[in-house]
Amino acid sequence: MTHRVKITVLDKKCYPELQEKYLKDPKSGPCPFFQVGQEFMVDSKSYQSMLEGKFCMEAWDAIHRYVYTAIQGGSIMDGWTNDEKMMIACCNDGTRPVIFKIERIDEEDLNEASV
């Protein structure tokens, strides 16, 4: 069975008080790279190319291990979320984090959806 992963941008947060206190550019604002609702599909072939301008490198660094686990067919968060094929994660930017939903899509799920 093959697997793909759907990454959805659920939310973007911004903490201007932290930006004001700690950043070189205190008016950085929310993450400019992602938009709420944006989706990415990843499979074993496209996994390595996510860093070629298609995905923020810092965000990819934070979530790629979950994406890799899902592409291999593993349970992302068994016993933690209400669906072992899904998890919620965020990037490491402490002043403007982006929140992602990561979903494992099994090949059999794709076949059932097209019937």
PDB file of N, CA and C in Angstrom:
ATOM      1  N   MET A   1       0.851  -1.166   0.000  1.00  0.00           N
ATOM      2  CA  MET A   1       0.000   0.000   0.000  1.00  0.00           C
ATOM      3  C   MET A   1       0.908   1.243   0.000  1.00  0.00           C
ATOM      4  N   THR A   2       0.530   2.226  -0.763  1.00  0.00           N
ATOM      5  CA  THR A   2       1.269   3.478  -0.774  1.00  0.00           C
ATOM      6  C   THR A   2       0.499   4.537   0.010  1.00  0.00           C
ATOM      7  N   HIS A   3       1.217   5.568   0.406  1.00  0.00           N
ATOM      8  CA  HIS A   3       0.632   6.596   1.252  1.00  0.00           C
ATOM      9  C   HIS A   3       1.054   7.975   0.752  1.00  0.00           C
ATOM     10  N   ARG A   4       0.178   8.926   0.945  1.00  0.00           N
ATOM     11  CA  ARG A   4       0.478  10.333   0.705  1.00  0.00           C
ATOM     12  C   ARG A   4       0.127  11.098   1.969  1.00  0.00           C
ATOM     13  N   VAL A   5       0.569  12.337   2.003  1.00  0.00           N
ATOM     14  CA  VAL A   5       0.296  13.166   3.175  1.00  0.00           C
ATOM     15  C   VAL A   5      -0.261  14.502   2.704  1.00  0.00           C
ATOM     16  N   LYS A   6      -1.332  14.908   3.332  1.00  0.00           N
ATOM     17  CA  LYS A   6      -1.926  16.213   3.064  1.00  0.00           C
ATOM     18  C   LYS A   6      -1.592  17.116   4.250  1.00  0.00           C
ATOM     19  N   ILE A   7      -0.971  18.253   3.949  1.00  0.00           N
ATOM     20  CA  ILE A   7      -0.639  19.243   4.966  1.00  0.00           C
ATOM     21  C   ILE A   7      -1.540  20.448   4.732  1.00  0.00           C
ATOM     22  N   THR A   8      -2.305  20.832   5.734  1.00  0.00           N
ATOM     23  CA  THR A   8      -3.215  21.968   5.633  1.00  0.00           C
ATOM     24  C   THR A   8      -2.823  23.020   6.666  1.00  0.00           C
ATOM     25  N   VAL A   9      -2.752  24.268   6.228  1.00  0.00           N
ATOM     26  CA  VAL A   9      -2.488  25.376   7.152  1.00  0.00           C
ATOM     27  C   VAL A   9      -3.803  25.701   7.857  1.00  0.00           C
ATOM     28  N   LEU A  10      -3.857  25.432   9.156  1.00  0.00           N
ATOM     29  CA  LEU A  10      -5.072  25.667   9.937  1.00  0.00           C
ATOM     30  C   LEU A  10      -5.162  27.092  10.471  1.00  0.00           C
ATOM     31  N   ASP A  11      -4.031  27.635  10.895  1.00  0.00           N
ATOM     32  CA  ASP A  11      -4.070  28.946  11.537  1.00  0.00           C
ATOM     33  C   ASP A  11      -2.675  29.555  11.543  1.00  0.00           C
ATOM     34  N   LYS A  12      -2.644  30.853  11.704  1.00  0.00           N
ATOM     35  CA  LYS A  12      -1.404  31.608  11.868  1.00  0.00           C
ATOM     36  C   LYS A  12      -1.589  32.497  13.090  1.00  0.00           C
ATOM     37  N   LYS A  13      -0.616  32.501  13.961  1.00  0.00           N
ATOM     38  CA  LYS A  13      -0.655  33.339  15.155  1.00  0.00           C
ATOM     39  C   LYS A  13       0.430  34.403  15.042  1.00  0.00           C
ATOM     40  N   CYS A  14       0.261  35.474  15.782  1.00  0.00           N
ATOM     41  CA  CYS A  14       1.269  36.523  15.819  1.00  0.00           C
ATOM     42  C   CYS A  14       1.279  37.130  17.218  1.00  0.00           C
ATOM     43  N   TYR A  15       2.465  37.288  17.766  1.00  0.00           N
ATOM     44  CA  TYR A  15       2.635  37.847  19.092  1.00  0.00           C
ATOM     45  C   TYR A  15       3.475  39.124  18.991  1.00  0.00           C
ATOM     46  N   PRO A  16       2.808  40.256  18.671  1.00  0.00           N
ATOM     47  CA  PRO A  16       3.540  41.507  18.456  1.00  0.00           C
ATOM     48  C   PRO A  16       4.336  41.974  19.679  1.00  0.00           C
ATOM     49  N   GLU A  17       3.856  41.654  20.882  1.00  0.00           N
ATOM     50  CA  GLU A  17       4.600  42.057  22.075  1.00  0.00           C
ATOM     51  C   GLU A  17       5.949  41.353  22.152  1.00  0.00           C
ATOM     52  N   LEU A  18       6.011  40.102  21.704  1.00  0.00           N
ATOM     53  CA  LEU A  18       7.288  39.377  21.669  1.00  0.00           C
ATOM     54  C   LEU A  18       8.167  39.892  20.533  1.00  0.00           C
ATOM     55  N   GLN A  19       7.556  40.175  19.394  1.00  0.00           N
ATOM     56  CA  GLN A  19       8.319  40.721  18.276  1.00  0.00           C
ATOM     57  C   GLN A  19       8.937  42.066  18.662  1.00  0.00           C
ATOM     58  N   GLU A  20       8.152  42.897  19.322  1.00  0.00           N
ATOM     59  CA  GLU A  20       8.625  44.224  19.743  1.00  0.00           C
ATOM     60  C   GLU A  20       9.815  44.103  20.696  1.00  0.00           C
ATOM     61  N   LYS A  21       9.745  43.137  21.573  1.00  0.00           N
ATOM     62  CA  LYS A  21      10.771  42.993  22.598  1.00  0.00           C
ATOM     63  C   LYS A  21      12.037  42.297  22.095  1.00  0.00           C
ATOM     64  N   TYR A  22      11.885  41.308  21.152  1.00  0.00           N
ATOM     65  CA  TYR A  22      13.023  40.449  20.843  1.00  0.00           C
ATOM     66  C   TYR A  22      13.541  40.487  19.398  1.00  0.00           C
ATOM     67  N   LEU A  23      12.757  40.945  18.455  1.00  0.00           N
ATOM     68  CA  LEU A  23      13.189  40.838  17.061  1.00  0.00           C
ATOM     69  C   LEU A  23      13.932  42.072  16.567  1.00  0.00           C
ATOM     70  N   LYS A  24      14.820  41.834  15.620  1.00  0.00           N
ATOM     71  CA  LYS A  24      15.526  42.931  14.970  1.00  0.00           C
ATOM     72  C   LYS A  24      14.536  43.837  14.236  1.00  0.00           C
ATOM     73  N   ASP A  25      13.527  43.205  13.587  1.00  0.00           N
ATOM     74  CA  ASP A  25      12.442  43.962  12.963  1.00  0.00           C
ATOM     75  C   ASP A  25      11.211  43.792  13.847  1.00  0.00           C
ATOM     76  N   PRO A  26      10.967  44.731  14.759  1.00  0.00           N
ATOM     77  CA  PRO A  26       9.883  44.574  15.730  1.00  0.00           C
ATOM     78  C   PRO A  26       8.482  44.633  15.126  1.00  0.00           C
ATOM     79  N   LYS A  27       8.378  44.951  13.859  1.00  0.00           N
ATOM     80  CA  LYS A  27       7.077  45.019  13.180  1.00  0.00           C
ATOM     81  C   LYS A  27       6.963  43.893  12.137  1.00  0.00           C
ATOM     82  N   SER A  28       7.584  42.767  12.397  1.00  0.00           N
ATOM     83  CA  SER A  28       7.597  41.651  11.437  1.00  0.00           C
ATOM     84  C   SER A  28       6.204  41.173  11.054  1.00  0.00           C
ATOM     85  N   GLY A  29       5.302  41.128  12.002  1.00  0.00           N
ATOM     86  CA  GLY A  29       3.938  40.697  11.721  1.00  0.00           C
ATOM     87  C   GLY A  29       3.819  39.198  11.544  1.00  0.00           C
ATOM     88  N   PRO A  30       2.649  38.737  11.078  1.00  0.00           N
ATOM     89  CA  PRO A  30       2.421  37.297  10.901  1.00  0.00           C
ATOM     90  C   PRO A  30       3.275  36.721   9.779  1.00  0.00           C
ATOM     91  N   CYS A  31       3.411  35.427   9.771  1.00  0.00           N
ATOM     92  CA  CYS A  31       4.196  34.724   8.755  1.00  0.00           C
ATOM     93  C   CYS A  31       3.709  35.090   7.354  1.00  0.00           C
ATOM     94  N   PRO A  32       4.612  35.549   6.482  1.00  0.00           N
ATOM     95  CA  PRO A  32       4.203  35.910   5.128  1.00  0.00           C
ATOM     96  C   PRO A  32       4.210  34.728   4.157  1.00  0.00           C
ATOM     97  N   PHE A  33       4.745  33.579   4.592  1.00  0.00           N
ATOM     98  CA  PHE A  33       4.941  32.448   3.676  1.00  0.00           C
ATOM     99  C   PHE A  33       3.661  31.650   3.437  1.00  0.00           C
ATOM    100  N   PHE A  34       2.858  31.469   4.483  1.00  0.00           N
ATOM    101  CA  PHE A  34       1.683  30.606   4.400  1.00  0.00           C
ATOM    102  C   PHE A  34       0.391  31.404   4.531  1.00  0.00           C
ATOM    103  N   GLN A  35      -0.687  30.845   3.981  1.00  0.00           N
ATOM    104  CA  GLN A  35      -2.028  31.400   4.112  1.00  0.00           C
ATOM    105  C   GLN A  35      -2.940  30.336   4.718  1.00  0.00           C
ATOM    106  N   VAL A  36      -3.843  30.736   5.594  1.00  0.00           N
ATOM    107  CA  VAL A  36      -4.796  29.798   6.192  1.00  0.00           C
ATOM    108  C   VAL A  36      -5.600  29.136   5.080  1.00  0.00           C
ATOM    109  N   GLY A  37      -5.723  27.813   5.153  1.00  0.00           N
ATOM    110  CA  GLY A  37      -6.441  27.042   4.138  1.00  0.00           C
ATOM    111  C   GLY A  37      -5.537  26.475   3.063  1.00  0.00           C
ATOM    112  N   GLN A  38      -4.319  26.927   2.983  1.00  0.00           N
ATOM    113  CA  GLN A  38      -3.375  26.430   1.982  1.00  0.00           C
ATOM    114  C   GLN A  38      -3.115  24.945   2.226  1.00  0.00           C
ATOM    115  N   GLU A  39      -3.010  24.168   1.129  1.00  0.00           N
ATOM    116  CA  GLU A  39      -2.807  22.725   1.244  1.00  0.00           C
ATOM    117  C   GLU A  39      -1.612  22.285   0.403  1.00  0.00           C
ATOM    118  N   PHE A  40      -0.941  21.259   0.892  1.00  0.00           N
ATOM    119  CA  PHE A  40       0.193  20.657   0.207  1.00  0.00           C
ATOM    120  C   PHE A  40       0.003  19.147   0.221  1.00  0.00           C
ATOM    121  N   MET A  41       0.230  18.499  -0.918  1.00  0.00           N
ATOM    122  CA  MET A  41       0.205  17.038  -0.987  1.00  0.00           C
ATOM    123  C   MET A  41       1.639  16.558  -1.144  1.00  0.00           C
ATOM    124  N   VAL A  42       2.016  15.579  -0.338  1.00  0.00           N
ATOM    125  CA  VAL A  42       3.374  15.063  -0.348  1.00  0.00           C
ATOM    126  C   VAL A  42       3.317  13.552  -0.499  1.00  0.00           C
ATOM    127  N   ASP A  43       4.172  13.013  -1.375  1.00  0.00           N
ATOM    128  CA  ASP A  43       4.334  11.565  -1.485  1.00  0.00           C
ATOM    129  C   ASP A  43       5.822  11.256  -1.371  1.00  0.00           C
ATOM    130  N   SER A  44       6.194  10.013  -1.529  1.00  0.00           N
ATOM    131  CA  SER A  44       7.597   9.638  -1.346  1.00  0.00           C
ATOM    132  C   SER A  44       8.508  10.327  -2.360  1.00  0.00           C
ATOM    133  N   LYS A  45       7.995  10.653  -3.530  1.00  0.00           N
ATOM    134  CA  LYS A  45       8.819  11.326  -4.543  1.00  0.00           C
ATOM    135  C   LYS A  45       8.981  12.809  -4.246  1.00  0.00           C
ATOM    136  N   SER A  46       7.930  13.458  -3.784  1.00  0.00           N
ATOM    137  CA  SER A  46       7.997  14.903  -3.545  1.00  0.00           C
ATOM    138  C   SER A  46       8.524  15.247  -2.152  1.00  0.00           C
ATOM    139  N   TYR A  47       8.685  14.258  -1.295  1.00  0.00           N
ATOM    140  CA  TYR A  47       9.129  14.510   0.083  1.00  0.00           C
ATOM    141  C   TYR A  47      10.429  15.315   0.117  1.00  0.00           C
ATOM    142  N   GLN A  48      11.413  14.914  -0.671  1.00  0.00           N
ATOM    143  CA  GLN A  48      12.706  15.588  -0.657  1.00  0.00           C
ATOM    144  C   GLN A  48      12.672  16.972  -1.294  1.00  0.00           C
ATOM    145  N   SER A  49      11.688  17.247  -2.139  1.00  0.00           N
ATOM    146  CA  SER A  49      11.668  18.530  -2.847  1.00  0.00           C
ATOM    147  C   SER A  49      10.927  19.627  -2.097  1.00  0.00           C
ATOM    148  N   MET A  50      10.427  19.360  -0.921  1.00  0.00           N
ATOM    149  CA  MET A  50       9.672  20.376  -0.192  1.00  0.00           C
ATOM    150  C   MET A  50      10.529  21.599   0.137  1.00  0.00           C
ATOM    151  N   LEU A  51      11.839  21.438   0.172  1.00  0.00           N
ATOM    152  CA  LEU A  51      12.706  22.563   0.504  1.00  0.00           C
ATOM    153  C   LEU A  51      13.075  23.407  -0.709  1.00  0.00           C
ATOM    154  N   GLU A  52      12.589  23.063  -1.867  1.00  0.00           N
ATOM    155  CA  GLU A  52      12.916  23.809  -3.087  1.00  0.00           C
ATOM    156  C   GLU A  52      11.960  24.977  -3.290  1.00  0.00           C
ATOM    157  N   GLY A  53      11.760  25.757  -2.252  1.00  0.00           N
ATOM    158  CA  GLY A  53      10.927  26.948  -2.341  1.00  0.00           C
ATOM    159  C   GLY A  53       9.439  26.703  -2.191  1.00  0.00           C
ATOM    160  N   LYS A  54       9.033  25.461  -2.030  1.00  0.00           N
ATOM    161  CA  LYS A  54       7.609  25.144  -1.923  1.00  0.00           C
ATOM    162  C   LYS A  54       7.106  25.192  -0.486  1.00  0.00           C
ATOM    163  N   PHE A  55       8.019  25.219   0.452  1.00  0.00           N
ATOM    164  CA  PHE A  55       7.635  25.143   1.858  1.00  0.00           C
ATOM    165  C   PHE A  55       8.705  25.872   2.659  1.00  0.00           C
ATOM    166  N   CYS A  56       8.314  26.583   3.670  1.00  0.00           N
ATOM    167  CA  CYS A  56       9.264  27.283   4.529  1.00  0.00           C
ATOM    168  C   CYS A  56      10.210  26.263   5.174  1.00  0.00           C
ATOM    169  N   MET A  57      11.499  26.495   5.063  1.00  0.00           N
ATOM    170  CA  MET A  57      12.492  25.546   5.571  1.00  0.00           C
ATOM    171  C   MET A  57      12.369  25.347   7.082  1.00  0.00           C
ATOM    172  N   GLU A  58      12.119  26.403   7.816  1.00  0.00           N
ATOM    173  CA  GLU A  58      11.996  26.308   9.271  1.00  0.00           C
ATOM    174  C   GLU A  58      10.758  25.490   9.660  1.00  0.00           C
ATOM    175  N   ALA A  59       9.640  25.709   8.968  1.00  0.00           N
ATOM    176  CA  ALA A  59       8.422  24.939   9.234  1.00  0.00           C
ATOM    177  C   ALA A  59       8.625  23.474   8.843  1.00  0.00           C
ATOM    178  N   TRP A  60       9.265  23.245   7.692  1.00  0.00           N
ATOM    179  CA  TRP A  60       9.517  21.869   7.239  1.00  0.00           C
ATOM    180  C   TRP A  60      10.376  21.125   8.255  1.00  0.00           C
ATOM    181  N   ASP A  61      11.373  21.818   8.802  1.00  0.00           N
ATOM    182  CA  ASP A  61      12.238  21.205   9.802  1.00  0.00           C
ATOM    183  C   ASP A  61      11.433  20.757  11.023  1.00  0.00           C
ATOM    184  N   ALA A  62      10.401  21.521  11.374  1.00  0.00           N
ATOM    185  CA  ALA A  62       9.588  21.196  12.547  1.00  0.00           C
ATOM    186  C   ALA A  62       8.637  20.028  12.313  1.00  0.00           C
ATOM    187  N   ILE A  63       8.166  19.831  11.077  1.00  0.00           N
ATOM    188  CA  ILE A  63       7.122  18.815  10.853  1.00  0.00           C
ATOM    189  C   ILE A  63       7.554  17.645   9.979  1.00  0.00           C
ATOM    190  N   HIS A  64       8.723  17.706   9.347  1.00  0.00           N
ATOM    191  CA  HIS A  64       9.058  16.683   8.352  1.00  0.00           C
ATOM    192  C   HIS A  64       9.100  15.266   8.914  1.00  0.00           C
ATOM    193  N   ARG A  65       9.456  15.099  10.168  1.00  0.00           N
ATOM    194  CA  ARG A  65       9.516  13.737  10.726  1.00  0.00           C
ATOM    195  C   ARG A  65       8.128  13.106  10.810  1.00  0.00           C
ATOM    196  N   TYR A  66       7.110  13.914  11.052  1.00  0.00           N
ATOM    197  CA  TYR A  66       5.739  13.400  11.076  1.00  0.00           C
ATOM    198  C   TYR A  66       5.275  13.053   9.659  1.00  0.00           C
ATOM    199  N   VAL A  67       5.653  13.899   8.713  1.00  0.00           N
ATOM    200  CA  VAL A  67       5.316  13.652   7.311  1.00  0.00           C
ATOM    201  C   VAL A  67       5.983  12.357   6.846  1.00  0.00           C
ATOM    202  N   TYR A  68       7.249  12.184   7.172  1.00  0.00           N
ATOM    203  CA  TYR A  68       7.981  10.980   6.781  1.00  0.00           C
ATOM    204  C   TYR A  68       7.343   9.730   7.388  1.00  0.00           C
ATOM    205  N   THR A  69       6.988   9.795   8.658  1.00  0.00           N
ATOM    206  CA  THR A  69       6.340   8.657   9.319  1.00  0.00           C
ATOM    207  C   THR A  69       5.047   8.286   8.605  1.00  0.00           C
ATOM    208  N   ALA A  70       4.260   9.291   8.245  1.00  0.00           N
ATOM    209  CA  ALA A  70       2.982   9.041   7.574  1.00  0.00           C
ATOM    210  C   ALA A  70       3.188   8.460   6.177  1.00  0.00           C
ATOM    211  N   ILE A  71       4.166   8.958   5.432  1.00  0.00           N
ATOM    212  CA  ILE A  71       4.437   8.426   4.091  1.00  0.00           C
ATOM    213  C   ILE A  71       4.826   6.954   4.164  1.00  0.00           C
ATOM    214  N   GLN A  72       5.476   6.555   5.251  1.00  0.00           N
ATOM    215  CA  GLN A  72       5.867   5.161   5.436  1.00  0.00           C
ATOM    216  C   GLN A  72       4.711   4.301   5.948  1.00  0.00           C
ATOM    217  N   GLY A  73       3.550   4.934   6.214  1.00  0.00           N
ATOM    218  CA  GLY A  73       2.383   4.188   6.674  1.00  0.00           C
ATOM    219  C   GLY A  73       2.257   4.104   8.176  1.00  0.00           C
ATOM    220  N   GLY A  74       3.097   4.823   8.892  1.00  0.00           N
ATOM    221  CA  GLY A  74       3.070   4.774  10.348  1.00  0.00           C
ATOM    222  C   GLY A  74       1.938   5.595  10.948  1.00  0.00           C
ATOM    223  N   SER A  75       1.645   5.305  12.195  1.00  0.00           N
ATOM    224  CA  SER A  75       0.670   6.091  12.950  1.00  0.00           C
ATOM    225  C   SER A  75       1.369   7.357  13.413  1.00  0.00           C
ATOM    226  N   ILE A  76       0.770   8.488  13.110  1.00  0.00           N
ATOM    227  CA  ILE A  76       1.413   9.747  13.447  1.00  0.00           C
ATOM    228  C   ILE A  76       1.284  10.027  14.943  1.00  0.00           C
ATOM    229  N   MET A  77       0.094   9.908  15.479  1.00  0.00           N
ATOM    230  CA  MET A  77      -0.125  10.235  16.888  1.00  0.00           C
ATOM    231  C   MET A  77      -1.098   9.253  17.531  1.00  0.00           C
ATOM    232  N   ASP A  78      -0.837   7.991  17.401  1.00  0.00           N
ATOM    233  CA  ASP A  78      -1.704   6.959  17.964  1.00  0.00           C
ATOM    234  C   ASP A  78      -1.885   7.194  19.467  1.00  0.00           C
ATOM    235  N   GLY A  79      -3.127   7.277  19.895  1.00  0.00           N
ATOM    236  CA  GLY A  79      -3.435   7.462  21.304  1.00  0.00           C
ATOM    237  C   GLY A  79      -3.440   8.913  21.755  1.00  0.00           C
ATOM    238  N   TRP A  80      -3.057   9.839  20.898  1.00  0.00           N
ATOM    239  CA  TRP A  80      -3.024  11.250  21.275  1.00  0.00           C
ATOM    240  C   TRP A  80      -4.146  12.015  20.595  1.00  0.00           C
ATOM    241  N   THR A  81      -4.281  11.843  19.274  1.00  0.00           N
ATOM    242  CA  THR A  81      -5.375  12.505  18.558  1.00  0.00           C
ATOM    243  C   THR A  81      -6.517  11.512  18.368  1.00  0.00           C
ATOM    244  N   ASN A  82      -7.673  12.001  17.923  1.00  0.00           N
ATOM    245  CA  ASN A  82      -8.825  11.119  17.747  1.00  0.00           C
ATOM    246  C   ASN A  82      -8.747  10.309  16.458  1.00  0.00           C
ATOM    247  N   ASP A  83      -7.672  10.469  15.690  1.00  0.00           N
ATOM    248  CA  ASP A  83      -7.440   9.699  14.465  1.00  0.00           C
ATOM    249  C   ASP A  83      -5.940   9.483  14.339  1.00  0.00           C
ATOM    250  N   GLU A  84      -5.489   8.236  14.381  1.00  0.00           N
ATOM    251  CA  GLU A  84      -4.050   7.952  14.339  1.00  0.00           C
ATOM    252  C   GLU A  84      -3.390   8.391  13.027  1.00  0.00           C
ATOM    253  N   LYS A  85      -4.188   8.692  12.005  1.00  0.00           N
ATOM    254  CA  LYS A  85      -3.646   9.141  10.721  1.00  0.00           C
ATOM    255  C   LYS A  85      -3.496  10.661  10.661  1.00  0.00           C
ATOM    256  N   MET A  86      -3.752  11.368  11.754  1.00  0.00           N
ATOM    257  CA  MET A  86      -3.763  12.827  11.729  1.00  0.00           C
ATOM    258  C   MET A  86      -3.106  13.386  12.982  1.00  0.00           C
ATOM    259  N   MET A  87      -2.452  14.529  12.817  1.00  0.00           N
ATOM    260  CA  MET A  87      -1.939  15.250  13.970  1.00  0.00           C
ATOM    261  C   MET A  87      -1.924  16.739  13.679  1.00  0.00           C
ATOM    262  N   ILE A  88      -1.855  17.523  14.719  1.00  0.00           N
ATOM    263  CA  ILE A  88      -1.739  18.970  14.625  1.00  0.00           C
ATOM    264  C   ILE A  88      -0.338  19.317  15.120  1.00  0.00           C
ATOM    265  N   ALA A  89       0.379  20.129  14.343  1.00  0.00           N
ATOM    266  CA  ALA A  89       1.741  20.534  14.701  1.00  0.00           C
ATOM    267  C   ALA A  89       1.941  21.981  14.278  1.00  0.00           C
ATOM    268  N   CYS A  90       3.017  22.579  14.742  1.00  0.00           N
ATOM    269  CA  CYS A  90       3.291  23.961  14.339  1.00  0.00           C
ATOM    270  C   CYS A  90       4.780  24.151  14.104  1.00  0.00           C
ATOM    271  N   CYS A  91       5.097  25.239  13.436  1.00  0.00           N
ATOM    272  CA  CYS A  91       6.492  25.580  13.201  1.00  0.00           C
ATOM    273  C   CYS A  91       7.107  26.121  14.490  1.00  0.00           C
ATOM    274  N   ASN A  92       8.412  26.329  14.451  1.00  0.00           N
ATOM    275  CA  ASN A  92       9.150  26.738  15.642  1.00  0.00           C
ATOM    276  C   ASN A  92       9.247  28.242  15.848  1.00  0.00           C
ATOM    277  N   ASP A  93       8.632  29.039  14.993  1.00  0.00           N
ATOM    278  CA  ASP A  93       8.731  30.485  15.118  1.00  0.00           C
ATOM    279  C   ASP A  93       7.904  30.935  16.319  1.00  0.00           C
ATOM    280  N   GLY A  94       8.551  31.312  17.394  1.00  0.00           N
ATOM    281  CA  GLY A  94       7.873  31.643  18.637  1.00  0.00           C
ATOM    282  C   GLY A  94       7.082  32.935  18.615  1.00  0.00           C
ATOM    283  N   THR A  95       7.346  33.819  17.653  1.00  0.00           N
ATOM    284  CA  THR A  95       6.597  35.071  17.604  1.00  0.00           C
ATOM    285  C   THR A  95       5.516  35.074  16.543  1.00  0.00           C
ATOM    286  N   ARG A  96       5.559  34.105  15.617  1.00  0.00           N
ATOM    287  CA  ARG A  96       4.520  34.029  14.584  1.00  0.00           C
ATOM    288  C   ARG A  96       4.360  32.592  14.069  1.00  0.00           C
ATOM    289  N   PRO A  97       3.960  31.667  14.948  1.00  0.00           N
ATOM    290  CA  PRO A  97       3.831  30.270  14.552  1.00  0.00           C
ATOM    291  C   PRO A  97       2.687  30.025  13.564  1.00  0.00           C
ATOM    292  N   VAL A  98       2.894  29.022  12.741  1.00  0.00           N
ATOM    293  CA  VAL A  98       1.880  28.547  11.807  1.00  0.00           C
ATOM    294  C   VAL A  98       1.477  27.150  12.265  1.00  0.00           C
ATOM    295  N   ILE A  99       0.174  26.893  12.296  1.00  0.00           N
ATOM    296  CA  ILE A  99      -0.350  25.620  12.792  1.00  0.00           C
ATOM    297  C   ILE A  99      -0.817  24.778  11.609  1.00  0.00           C
ATOM    298  N   PHE A 100      -0.343  23.540  11.553  1.00  0.00           N
ATOM    299  CA  PHE A 100      -0.620  22.640  10.440  1.00  0.00           C
ATOM    300  C   PHE A 100      -1.409  21.419  10.890  1.00  0.00           C
ATOM    301  N   LYS A 101      -2.274  20.933  10.008  1.00  0.00           N
ATOM    302  CA  LYS A 101      -2.891  19.611  10.164  1.00  0.00           C
ATOM    303  C   LYS A 101      -2.174  18.701   9.184  1.00  0.00           C
ATOM    304  N   ILE A 102      -1.687  17.583   9.675  1.00  0.00           N
ATOM    305  CA  ILE A 102      -0.953  16.615   8.867  1.00  0.00           C
ATOM    306  C   ILE A 102      -1.785  15.348   8.823  1.00  0.00           C
ATOM    307  N   GLU A 103      -2.151  14.900   7.610  1.00  0.00           N
ATOM    308  CA  GLU A 103      -3.034  13.738   7.465  1.00  0.00           C
ATOM    309  C   GLU A 103      -2.398  12.686   6.561  1.00  0.00           C
ATOM    310  N   ARG A 104      -2.344  11.448   7.039  1.00  0.00           N
ATOM    311  CA  ARG A 104      -1.904  10.333   6.205  1.00  0.00           C
ATOM    312  C   ARG A 104      -3.076   9.877   5.349  1.00  0.00           C
ATOM    313  N   ILE A 105      -2.848   9.767   4.051  1.00  0.00           N
ATOM    314  CA  ILE A 105      -3.875   9.279   3.130  1.00  0.00           C
ATOM    315  C   ILE A 105      -3.371   7.973   2.550  1.00  0.00           C
ATOM    316  N   ASP A 106      -4.077   6.898   2.831  1.00  0.00           N
ATOM    317  CA  ASP A 106      -3.686   5.577   2.338  1.00  0.00           C
ATOM    318  C   ASP A 106      -4.216   5.363   0.934  1.00  0.00           C
ATOM    319  N   GLU A 107      -3.479   4.609   0.144  1.00  0.00           N
ATOM    320  CA  GLU A 107      -3.878   4.352  -1.244  1.00  0.00           C
ATOM    321  C   GLU A 107      -5.281   3.772  -1.323  1.00  0.00           C
ATOM    322  N   GLU A 108      -5.637   2.896  -0.404  1.00  0.00           N
ATOM    323  CA  GLU A 108      -6.996   2.331  -0.436  1.00  0.00           C
ATOM    324  C   GLU A 108      -8.039   3.401  -0.174  1.00  0.00           C
ATOM    325  N   ASP A 109      -7.715   4.411   0.672  1.00  0.00           N
ATOM    326  CA  ASP A 109      -8.638   5.533   0.887  1.00  0.00           C
ATOM    327  C   ASP A 109      -8.849   6.306  -0.397  1.00  0.00           C
ATOM    328  N   LEU A 110      -7.796   6.464  -1.186  1.00  0.00           N
ATOM    329  CA  LEU A 110      -7.903   7.193  -2.460  1.00  0.00           C
ATOM    330  C   LEU A 110      -8.786   6.428  -3.440  1.00  0.00           C
ATOM    331  N   ASN A 111      -8.658   5.097  -3.470  1.00  0.00           N
ATOM    332  CA  ASN A 111      -9.458   4.282  -4.381  1.00  0.00           C
ATOM    333  C   ASN A 111     -10.928   4.335  -4.003  1.00  0.00           C
ATOM    334  N   GLU A 112     -11.245   4.295  -2.695  1.00  0.00           N
ATOM    335  CA  GLU A 112     -12.638   4.355  -2.250  1.00  0.00           C
ATOM    336  C   GLU A 112     -13.264   5.689  -2.569  1.00  0.00           C
ATOM    337  N   ALA A 113     -12.498   6.774  -2.475  1.00  0.00           N
ATOM    338  CA  ALA A 113     -13.017   8.109  -2.744  1.00  0.00           C
ATOM    339  C   ALA A 113     -13.363   8.308  -4.217  1.00  0.00           C
ATOM    340  N   SER A 114     -12.692   7.582  -5.099  1.00  0.00           N
ATOM    341  CA  SER A 114     -12.949   7.751  -6.536  1.00  0.00           C
ATOM    342  C   SER A 114     -14.057   6.848  -7.055  1.00  0.00           C
ATOM    343  N   VAL A 115     -14.587   5.946  -6.208  1.00  0.00           N
ATOM    344  CA  VAL A 115     -15.644   5.042  -6.636  1.00  0.00           C
ATOM    345  C   VAL A 115     -16.998   5.710  -6.546  1.00  0.00           C
TER     346      VAL A 115
END
